[in-house]
Amino acid sequence: MRTEAGAWYQSPRCCTAGTSSTTFNNIAGGQYKIQWDGSSDFVAGQGQNPGSTSAEITFNSTMEPAADAEVILSVYGWSENPLIEYYINEFNDNRQFDLTFEATQKGSVTSDGSAYNIFIHEQVNQPSITGTATFNQYISVRESEQTSGTVTVANHIVAVEGLLGSGQATVTVEI
């Protein structure tokens, strides 16, 4: 992974087929530019390490993918304990690339003016920030896509925590 002044870029993430090239430019003021050619799976972004569960992220992007490109614009991150990879998808240019493939829809949340569907997918023996591991992916997918706006991360975390809960209680009150 390459990092510079808060921006990061990793390629290939998991899969590269054929010939590909990726150019990453970190620009002042929280801006970066990425150009790609060929078949490559990469992740690039601007962010914090460590991140914050209370972050409110405002973004503005110009997307110019080729007709056959598979592009997703997401808030992306990891937690370590428990080990979780998360995506808050704002834009998916090519519906053939679907992070929710084989995922289970668990519910939905309304945040920042839009509804999001929430999916969970178990990754078994896959690359992670701690090495090869088994972990869950939490994926929020915005129903009305956007290339600029605001994402309130805490709304998604609270929604996922609420969806994972279950149990039973017996309470005796003596007055």
C-alpha atoms as a PDB file:
ATOM      1  CA  MET A   1       0.000   0.000   0.000  1.00  0.00           C
ATOM      2  CA  ARG A   2       1.279   3.449  -0.906  1.00  0.00           C
ATOM      3  CA  THR A   3       0.398   6.386   1.358  1.00  0.00           C
ATOM      4  CA  GLU A   4       1.108  10.083   1.125  1.00  0.00           C
ATOM      5  CA  ALA A   5      -0.381  12.941   3.143  1.00  0.00           C
ATOM      6  CA  GLY A   6      -3.535  11.075   4.167  1.00  0.00           C
ATOM      7  CA  ALA A   7      -4.192   9.522   0.757  1.00  0.00           C
ATOM      8  CA  TRP A   8      -3.679   5.831   0.102  1.00  0.00           C
ATOM      9  CA  TYR A   9      -3.575   3.519  -2.853  1.00  0.00           C
ATOM     10  CA  GLN A  10      -3.318  -0.245  -3.099  1.00  0.00           C
ATOM     11  CA  SER A  11      -3.044  -2.261  -6.299  1.00  0.00           C
ATOM     12  CA  PRO A  12      -3.664  -4.991  -7.069  1.00  0.00           C
ATOM     13  CA  ARG A  13      -6.086  -5.581  -4.238  1.00  0.00           C
ATOM     14  CA  CYS A  14      -6.774  -9.192  -5.003  1.00  0.00           C
ATOM     15  CA  CYS A  15      -6.946  -9.886  -8.687  1.00  0.00           C
ATOM     16  CA  THR A  16      -5.158  -8.697 -11.780  1.00  0.00           C
ATOM     17  CA  ALA A  17      -5.728 -10.230 -15.199  1.00  0.00           C
ATOM     18  CA  GLY A  18      -3.977  -9.250 -18.386  1.00  0.00           C
ATOM     19  CA  THR A  19      -2.096  -5.987 -18.717  1.00  0.00           C
ATOM     20  CA  SER A  20      -3.084  -3.056 -16.581  1.00  0.00           C
ATOM     21  CA  SER A  21      -1.761   0.244 -15.341  1.00  0.00           C
ATOM     22  CA  THR A  22      -2.957   2.513 -12.566  1.00  0.00           C
ATOM     23  CA  THR A  23      -1.774   6.053 -11.842  1.00  0.00           C
ATOM     24  CA  PHE A  24      -2.522   7.703  -8.509  1.00  0.00           C
ATOM     25  CA  ASN A  25      -1.956  11.430  -7.898  1.00  0.00           C
ATOM     26  CA  ASN A  26      -2.421  13.020  -4.486  1.00  0.00           C
ATOM     27  CA  ILE A  27      -3.491  16.663  -4.936  1.00  0.00           C
ATOM     28  CA  ALA A  28      -3.619  19.361  -2.257  1.00  0.00           C
ATOM     29  CA  GLY A  29      -6.781  20.066  -0.270  1.00  0.00           C
ATOM     30  CA  GLY A  30      -7.983  16.487   0.223  1.00  0.00           C
ATOM     31  CA  GLN A  31      -8.228  15.758  -3.492  1.00  0.00           C
ATOM     32  CA  TYR A  32      -6.767  12.861  -5.440  1.00  0.00           C
ATOM     33  CA  LYS A  33      -6.966  11.635  -9.020  1.00  0.00           C
ATOM     34  CA  ILE A  34      -6.821   8.048 -10.193  1.00  0.00           C
ATOM     35  CA  GLN A  35      -6.494   6.838 -13.787  1.00  0.00           C
ATOM     36  CA  TRP A  36      -6.577   3.215 -14.856  1.00  0.00           C
ATOM     37  CA  ASP A  37      -6.284   1.193 -18.024  1.00  0.00           C
ATOM     38  CA  GLY A  38      -6.874  -2.516 -18.352  1.00  0.00           C
ATOM     39  CA  SER A  39      -8.101  -5.153 -15.947  1.00  0.00           C
ATOM     40  CA  SER A  40      -7.103  -4.284 -12.422  1.00  0.00           C
ATOM     41  CA  ASP A  41      -8.753  -4.430  -9.017  1.00  0.00           C
ATOM     42  CA  PHE A  42      -7.536  -1.585  -6.845  1.00  0.00           C
ATOM     43  CA  VAL A  43      -8.620   0.485  -3.882  1.00  0.00           C
ATOM     44  CA  ALA A  44      -7.727   4.165  -3.516  1.00  0.00           C
ATOM     45  CA  GLY A  45      -8.844   6.845  -1.147  1.00  0.00           C
ATOM     46  CA  GLN A  46      -8.345   9.776   1.134  1.00  0.00           C
ATOM     47  CA  GLY A  47      -8.862   9.181   4.801  1.00  0.00           C
ATOM     48  CA  GLN A  48      -7.785   8.749   8.363  1.00  0.00           C
ATOM     49  CA  ASN A  49      -5.834   6.089  10.174  1.00  0.00           C
ATOM     50  CA  PRO A  50      -7.265   5.372  12.608  1.00  0.00           C
ATOM     51  CA  GLY A  51     -10.663   6.367  11.352  1.00  0.00           C
ATOM     52  CA  SER A  52     -13.582   7.580  13.392  1.00  0.00           C
ATOM     53  CA  THR A  53     -16.990   5.985  13.815  1.00  0.00           C
ATOM     54  CA  SER A  54     -18.465   9.470  14.210  1.00  0.00           C
ATOM     55  CA  ALA A  55     -17.037  10.847  10.963  1.00  0.00           C
ATOM     56  CA  GLU A  56     -19.201  12.925   8.669  1.00  0.00           C
ATOM     57  CA  ILE A  57     -17.598  12.734   5.240  1.00  0.00           C
ATOM     58  CA  THR A  58     -18.385  15.258   2.521  1.00  0.00           C
ATOM     59  CA  PHE A  59     -17.235  14.381  -0.989  1.00  0.00           C
ATOM     60  CA  ASN A  60     -17.483  15.639  -4.554  1.00  0.00           C
ATOM     61  CA  SER A  61     -16.332  13.500  -7.472  1.00  0.00           C
ATOM     62  CA  THR A  62     -16.263  13.497 -11.231  1.00  0.00           C
ATOM     63  CA  MET A  63     -16.536   9.940 -12.507  1.00  0.00           C
ATOM     64  CA  GLU A  64     -15.462   9.177 -16.072  1.00  0.00           C
ATOM     65  CA  PRO A  65     -15.265   5.393 -16.358  1.00  0.00           C
ATOM     66  CA  ALA A  66     -15.237   3.596 -19.692  1.00  0.00           C
ATOM     67  CA  ALA A  67     -18.493   1.871 -20.636  1.00  0.00           C
ATOM     68  CA  ASP A  68     -17.187  -1.522 -19.483  1.00  0.00           C
ATOM     69  CA  ALA A  69     -15.514  -0.271 -16.290  1.00  0.00           C
ATOM     70  CA  GLU A  70     -16.520  -1.561 -12.889  1.00  0.00           C
ATOM     71  CA  VAL A  71     -16.453   1.442 -10.554  1.00  0.00           C
ATOM     72  CA  ILE A  72     -17.732   1.781  -7.016  1.00  0.00           C
ATOM     73  CA  LEU A  73     -17.511   4.984  -4.970  1.00  0.00           C
ATOM     74  CA  SER A  74     -17.636   4.087  -1.274  1.00  0.00           C
ATOM     75  CA  VAL A  75     -16.678   5.052   2.198  1.00  0.00           C
ATOM     76  CA  TYR A  76     -14.370   2.136   2.964  1.00  0.00           C
ATOM     77  CA  GLY A  77     -12.665   0.901   6.084  1.00  0.00           C
ATOM     78  CA  TRP A  78     -11.806  -1.783   8.579  1.00  0.00           C
ATOM     79  CA  SER A  79     -12.176  -2.454  12.271  1.00  0.00           C
ATOM     80  CA  GLU A  80      -9.760  -4.781  14.037  1.00  0.00           C
ATOM     81  CA  ASN A  81     -11.640  -6.168  17.020  1.00  0.00           C
ATOM     82  CA  PRO A  82     -13.812  -7.655  15.705  1.00  0.00           C
ATOM     83  CA  LEU A  83     -12.199  -7.846  12.272  1.00  0.00           C
ATOM     84  CA  ILE A  84     -14.718  -6.250   9.875  1.00  0.00           C
ATOM     85  CA  GLU A  85     -14.400  -4.756   6.387  1.00  0.00           C
ATOM     86  CA  TYR A  86     -17.046  -2.160   5.635  1.00  0.00           C
ATOM     87  CA  TYR A  87     -18.333  -0.313   2.585  1.00  0.00           C
ATOM     88  CA  ILE A  88     -20.892   2.477   2.393  1.00  0.00           C
ATOM     89  CA  ASN A  89     -21.587   2.482  -1.347  1.00  0.00           C
ATOM     90  CA  GLU A  90     -22.659   5.788  -2.850  1.00  0.00           C
ATOM     91  CA  PHE A  91     -22.208   4.985  -6.553  1.00  0.00           C
ATOM     92  CA  ASN A  92     -21.854   1.799  -8.620  1.00  0.00           C
ATOM     93  CA  ASP A  93     -21.354   2.552 -12.306  1.00  0.00           C
ATOM     94  CA  ASN A  94     -21.547  -0.996 -13.594  1.00  0.00           C
ATOM     95  CA  ARG A  95     -24.092  -3.258 -11.922  1.00  0.00           C
ATOM     96  CA  GLN A  96     -22.143  -6.309 -13.093  1.00  0.00           C
ATOM     97  CA  PHE A  97     -19.711  -5.624 -10.241  1.00  0.00           C
ATOM     98  CA  ASP A  98     -21.737  -6.269  -7.151  1.00  0.00           C
ATOM     99  CA  LEU A  99     -20.187  -6.284  -3.690  1.00  0.00           C
ATOM    100  CA  THR A 100     -23.399  -7.812  -2.380  1.00  0.00           C
ATOM    101  CA  PHE A 101     -23.039 -10.985  -4.492  1.00  0.00           C
ATOM    102  CA  GLU A 102     -23.654 -13.922  -2.148  1.00  0.00           C
ATOM    103  CA  ALA A 103     -24.320 -11.474   0.694  1.00  0.00           C
ATOM    104  CA  THR A 104     -27.402 -11.587   2.898  1.00  0.00           C
ATOM    105  CA  GLN A 105     -29.579  -8.514   3.149  1.00  0.00           C
ATOM    106  CA  LYS A 106     -30.138  -7.807   6.842  1.00  0.00           C
ATOM    107  CA  GLY A 107     -32.163  -4.602   6.758  1.00  0.00           C
ATOM    108  CA  SER A 108     -32.020  -0.958   5.808  1.00  0.00           C
ATOM    109  CA  VAL A 109     -31.262   2.485   7.191  1.00  0.00           C
ATOM    110  CA  THR A 110     -32.170   6.011   6.129  1.00  0.00           C
ATOM    111  CA  SER A 111     -29.256   8.428   6.331  1.00  0.00           C
ATOM    112  CA  ASP A 112     -28.253  11.682   4.688  1.00  0.00           C
ATOM    113  CA  GLY A 113     -31.475  11.888   2.685  1.00  0.00           C
ATOM    114  CA  SER A 114     -31.478   8.399   1.197  1.00  0.00           C
ATOM    115  CA  ALA A 115     -32.360   4.809   1.991  1.00  0.00           C
ATOM    116  CA  TYR A 116     -29.556   2.247   2.125  1.00  0.00           C
ATOM    117  CA  ASN A 117     -29.894  -1.540   2.047  1.00  0.00           C
ATOM    118  CA  ILE A 118     -27.539  -3.301   4.458  1.00  0.00           C
ATOM    119  CA  PHE A 119     -25.844  -6.587   3.543  1.00  0.00           C
ATOM    120  CA  ILE A 120     -23.484  -8.908   5.405  1.00  0.00           C
ATOM    121  CA  HIS A 121     -21.088 -11.289   3.700  1.00  0.00           C
ATOM    122  CA  GLU A 122     -18.596 -13.673   5.287  1.00  0.00           C
ATOM    123  CA  GLN A 123     -15.153 -13.724   3.686  1.00  0.00           C
ATOM    124  CA  VAL A 124     -13.354 -17.014   4.366  1.00  0.00           C
ATOM    125  CA  ASN A 125      -9.540 -17.111   4.333  1.00  0.00           C
ATOM    126  CA  GLN A 126      -9.234 -13.823   2.438  1.00  0.00           C
ATOM    127  CA  PRO A 127      -6.660 -11.009   2.598  1.00  0.00           C
ATOM    128  CA  SER A 128      -7.310  -8.524   5.400  1.00  0.00           C
ATOM    129  CA  ILE A 129      -5.520  -5.813   7.347  1.00  0.00           C
ATOM    130  CA  THR A 130      -4.237  -8.513   9.728  1.00  0.00           C
ATOM    131  CA  GLY A 131      -3.240 -11.038   7.041  1.00  0.00           C
ATOM    132  CA  THR A 132      -5.297 -13.922   5.691  1.00  0.00           C
ATOM    133  CA  ALA A 133      -8.396 -14.308   7.848  1.00  0.00           C
ATOM    134  CA  THR A 134     -12.100 -15.072   8.006  1.00  0.00           C
ATOM    135  CA  PHE A 135     -14.177 -11.934   8.630  1.00  0.00           C
ATOM    136  CA  ASN A 136     -17.489 -10.260   7.836  1.00  0.00           C
ATOM    137  CA  GLN A 137     -18.058  -7.513   5.299  1.00  0.00           C
ATOM    138  CA  TYR A 138     -20.791  -4.993   6.142  1.00  0.00           C
ATOM    139  CA  ILE A 139     -22.065  -3.287   3.005  1.00  0.00           C
ATOM    140  CA  SER A 140     -24.545  -0.387   2.923  1.00  0.00           C
ATOM    141  CA  VAL A 141     -25.808   0.315  -0.610  1.00  0.00           C
ATOM    142  CA  ARG A 142     -27.435   3.668  -1.341  1.00  0.00           C
ATOM    143  CA  GLU A 143     -30.675   3.280  -3.335  1.00  0.00           C
ATOM    144  CA  SER A 144     -30.416   6.682  -5.072  1.00  0.00           C
ATOM    145  CA  GLU A 145     -26.799   6.852  -6.183  1.00  0.00           C
ATOM    146  CA  GLN A 146     -24.735  10.009  -5.939  1.00  0.00           C
ATOM    147  CA  THR A 147     -21.230  11.180  -6.849  1.00  0.00           C
ATOM    148  CA  SER A 148     -21.212  14.018  -4.338  1.00  0.00           C
ATOM    149  CA  GLY A 149     -22.765  14.476  -0.932  1.00  0.00           C
ATOM    150  CA  THR A 150     -22.321  13.604   2.720  1.00  0.00           C
ATOM    151  CA  VAL A 151     -22.017  10.276   4.526  1.00  0.00           C
ATOM    152  CA  THR A 152     -22.633  10.089   8.272  1.00  0.00           C
ATOM    153  CA  VAL A 153     -20.691   6.953   9.203  1.00  0.00           C
ATOM    154  CA  ALA A 154     -22.240   6.607  12.682  1.00  0.00           C
ATOM    155  CA  ASN A 155     -25.729   6.115  11.210  1.00  0.00           C
ATOM    156  CA  HIS A 156     -24.540   3.000   9.372  1.00  0.00           C
ATOM    157  CA  ILE A 157     -22.647   1.584  12.346  1.00  0.00           C
ATOM    158  CA  VAL A 158     -25.631   2.034  14.661  1.00  0.00           C
ATOM    159  CA  ALA A 159     -27.922   0.401  12.073  1.00  0.00           C
ATOM    160  CA  VAL A 160     -25.640  -2.628  11.677  1.00  0.00           C
ATOM    161  CA  GLU A 161     -25.289  -3.036  15.438  1.00  0.00           C
ATOM    162  CA  GLY A 162     -29.078  -2.996  15.755  1.00  0.00           C
ATOM    163  CA  LEU A 163     -29.481  -5.641  13.063  1.00  0.00           C
ATOM    164  CA  LEU A 164     -27.040  -8.060  14.661  1.00  0.00           C
ATOM    165  CA  GLY A 165     -28.667  -8.153  18.056  1.00  0.00           C
ATOM    166  CA  SER A 166     -30.712 -11.044  19.374  1.00  0.00           C
ATOM    167  CA  GLY A 167     -31.211 -12.754  22.686  1.00  0.00           C
ATOM    168  CA  GLN A 168     -33.500 -13.344  25.595  1.00  0.00           C
ATOM    169  CA  ALA A 169     -33.983 -11.901  29.069  1.00  0.00           C
ATOM    170  CA  THR A 170     -35.840 -12.894  32.196  1.00  0.00           C
ATOM    171  CA  VAL A 171     -36.357 -10.068  34.660  1.00  0.00           C
ATOM    172  CA  THR A 172     -37.720 -10.221  38.190  1.00  0.00           C
ATOM    173  CA  VAL A 173     -38.499  -6.957  39.931  1.00  0.00           C
ATOM    174  CA  GLU A 174     -39.221  -6.827  43.642  1.00  0.00           C
ATOM    175  CA  ILE A 175     -40.659  -3.628  45.045  1.00  0.00           C
END
